[in-house]
N, C-alpha and C. Protein backbone atom coordinates (compact mmCIF):
# COMPACT_ATOMS: atom_id res chain seq x y z
N MET A 1 69.23 97.63 -42.48
CA MET A 1 68.70 97.30 -41.17
C MET A 1 69.20 95.94 -40.70
N ILE A 2 69.13 94.94 -41.59
CA ILE A 2 69.58 93.60 -41.21
C ILE A 2 71.08 93.59 -40.94
N HIS A 3 71.82 94.32 -41.75
CA HIS A 3 73.27 94.40 -41.56
C HIS A 3 73.59 95.02 -40.20
N PHE A 4 72.84 96.03 -39.80
CA PHE A 4 73.04 96.67 -38.50
C PHE A 4 72.81 95.68 -37.37
N LEU A 5 71.74 94.88 -37.47
CA LEU A 5 71.45 93.89 -36.43
C LEU A 5 72.54 92.82 -36.36
N GLU A 6 73.04 92.38 -37.52
CA GLU A 6 74.11 91.40 -37.54
C GLU A 6 75.37 91.96 -36.88
N THR A 7 75.64 93.23 -37.12
CA THR A 7 76.81 93.87 -36.51
C THR A 7 76.64 93.95 -35.00
N GLN A 8 75.45 94.28 -34.53
CA GLN A 8 75.19 94.35 -33.10
C GLN A 8 75.37 92.98 -32.44
N ILE A 9 74.87 91.94 -33.08
CA ILE A 9 75.00 90.60 -32.52
C ILE A 9 76.48 90.21 -32.46
N ALA A 10 77.22 90.49 -33.49
CA ALA A 10 78.65 90.17 -33.52
C ALA A 10 79.39 90.94 -32.43
N ASN A 11 79.03 92.20 -32.22
CA ASN A 11 79.69 93.01 -31.19
C ASN A 11 79.37 92.47 -29.80
N ASN A 12 78.14 92.05 -29.56
CA ASN A 12 77.77 91.52 -28.25
C ASN A 12 78.51 90.21 -27.96
N GLU A 13 78.63 89.34 -28.95
CA GLU A 13 79.36 88.10 -28.75
C GLU A 13 80.82 88.38 -28.46
N GLY A 14 81.39 89.31 -29.18
CA GLY A 14 82.78 89.67 -28.96
C GLY A 14 83.00 90.25 -27.58
N PHE A 15 82.07 91.01 -27.10
CA PHE A 15 82.17 91.62 -25.77
C PHE A 15 82.24 90.56 -24.69
N MET A 16 81.36 89.56 -24.77
CA MET A 16 81.34 88.51 -23.76
C MET A 16 82.63 87.68 -23.80
N VAL A 17 83.11 87.38 -24.99
CA VAL A 17 84.30 86.55 -25.12
C VAL A 17 85.55 87.35 -24.74
N GLN A 18 85.60 88.62 -25.13
CA GLN A 18 86.78 89.43 -24.85
C GLN A 18 87.00 89.58 -23.35
N ASN A 19 85.96 89.78 -22.61
CA ASN A 19 86.10 90.01 -21.18
C ASN A 19 86.19 88.71 -20.39
N GLY A 20 86.01 87.56 -21.04
CA GLY A 20 86.08 86.29 -20.35
C GLY A 20 84.85 86.00 -19.51
N LYS A 21 83.83 86.81 -19.64
CA LYS A 21 82.63 86.63 -18.84
C LYS A 21 81.79 85.44 -19.32
N ILE A 22 81.98 85.04 -20.57
CA ILE A 22 81.21 83.91 -21.09
C ILE A 22 81.54 82.66 -20.30
N TYR A 23 82.79 82.52 -19.86
CA TYR A 23 83.19 81.35 -19.09
C TYR A 23 82.54 81.37 -17.70
N LEU A 24 82.44 82.52 -17.13
CA LEU A 24 81.78 82.66 -15.83
C LEU A 24 80.30 82.32 -15.94
N VAL A 25 79.66 82.82 -16.97
CA VAL A 25 78.23 82.54 -17.17
C VAL A 25 78.01 81.05 -17.39
N MET A 26 78.84 80.43 -18.23
CA MET A 26 78.68 79.00 -18.50
C MET A 26 78.95 78.17 -17.25
N THR A 27 79.88 78.59 -16.41
CA THR A 27 80.15 77.88 -15.16
C THR A 27 78.96 77.95 -14.23
N ILE A 28 78.37 79.13 -14.10
CA ILE A 28 77.22 79.30 -13.21
C ILE A 28 76.03 78.49 -13.72
N VAL A 29 75.78 78.53 -15.03
CA VAL A 29 74.68 77.76 -15.61
C VAL A 29 74.90 76.27 -15.39
N SER A 30 76.14 75.81 -15.56
CA SER A 30 76.45 74.39 -15.36
C SER A 30 76.22 73.98 -13.91
N ILE A 31 76.63 74.80 -12.97
CA ILE A 31 76.43 74.50 -11.55
C ILE A 31 74.95 74.42 -11.23
N ILE A 32 74.17 75.34 -11.75
CA ILE A 32 72.72 75.33 -11.50
C ILE A 32 72.09 74.08 -12.09
N LEU A 33 72.47 73.69 -13.30
CA LEU A 33 71.90 72.50 -13.93
C LEU A 33 72.28 71.23 -13.18
N ILE A 34 73.53 71.13 -12.75
CA ILE A 34 73.96 69.97 -11.98
C ILE A 34 73.18 69.89 -10.67
N GLY A 35 72.99 71.03 -10.02
CA GLY A 35 72.20 71.06 -8.78
C GLY A 35 70.77 70.62 -9.01
N LEU A 36 70.17 71.05 -10.10
CA LEU A 36 68.80 70.64 -10.40
C LEU A 36 68.70 69.14 -10.66
N PHE A 37 69.67 68.59 -11.40
CA PHE A 37 69.67 67.15 -11.65
C PHE A 37 69.81 66.35 -10.36
N ILE A 38 70.68 66.80 -9.48
CA ILE A 38 70.85 66.12 -8.19
C ILE A 38 69.57 66.20 -7.37
N TYR A 39 68.92 67.36 -7.37
CA TYR A 39 67.67 67.54 -6.64
C TYR A 39 66.58 66.62 -7.18
N VAL A 40 66.44 66.56 -8.48
CA VAL A 40 65.41 65.71 -9.09
C VAL A 40 65.70 64.24 -8.81
N ALA A 41 66.97 63.85 -8.85
CA ALA A 41 67.34 62.47 -8.55
C ALA A 41 67.00 62.11 -7.11
N SER A 42 67.25 63.04 -6.18
CA SER A 42 66.94 62.76 -4.78
C SER A 42 65.43 62.68 -4.55
N ILE A 43 64.67 63.53 -5.20
CA ILE A 43 63.21 63.48 -5.09
C ILE A 43 62.70 62.15 -5.67
N ASP A 44 63.25 61.73 -6.79
CA ASP A 44 62.85 60.46 -7.41
C ASP A 44 63.14 59.29 -6.47
N LYS A 45 64.27 59.33 -5.81
CA LYS A 45 64.64 58.28 -4.87
C LYS A 45 63.65 58.23 -3.70
N LYS A 46 63.28 59.38 -3.19
CA LYS A 46 62.33 59.44 -2.07
C LYS A 46 60.94 58.95 -2.49
N VAL A 47 60.52 59.32 -3.69
CA VAL A 47 59.21 58.88 -4.19
C VAL A 47 59.22 57.37 -4.39
N ALA A 48 60.31 56.83 -4.89
CA ALA A 48 60.41 55.37 -5.09
C ALA A 48 60.32 54.65 -3.76
N GLN A 49 60.93 55.21 -2.71
CA GLN A 49 60.84 54.58 -1.37
C GLN A 49 59.42 54.63 -0.84
N LEU A 50 58.72 55.73 -1.08
CA LEU A 50 57.33 55.84 -0.62
C LEU A 50 56.43 54.89 -1.39
N GLU A 51 56.70 54.66 -2.66
CA GLU A 51 55.88 53.76 -3.45
C GLU A 51 56.02 52.31 -2.97
N LYS A 52 57.20 51.96 -2.45
CA LYS A 52 57.41 50.60 -1.96
C LYS A 52 56.59 50.32 -0.70
N LYS A 53 56.33 51.34 0.09
CA LYS A 53 55.59 51.18 1.35
C LYS A 53 54.13 50.96 1.15
C-alpha cells in the first residue's frame, strides 16, 4: 500500500515537471504573493499616515 502511494506521488510530480506546468504554477503563485506584499505595504503606509494625524 505504501509503495503504491509513493509511486502515485512520483508520477504526479513527474507529470507536472514533464509538461512544464510547474513553472506556470510557480509564476502565478509568485505574482499573487508579490501583489499581496505590495497591498499590505500600501495599507501599512496609509495606517501610519492616519496615526500621525
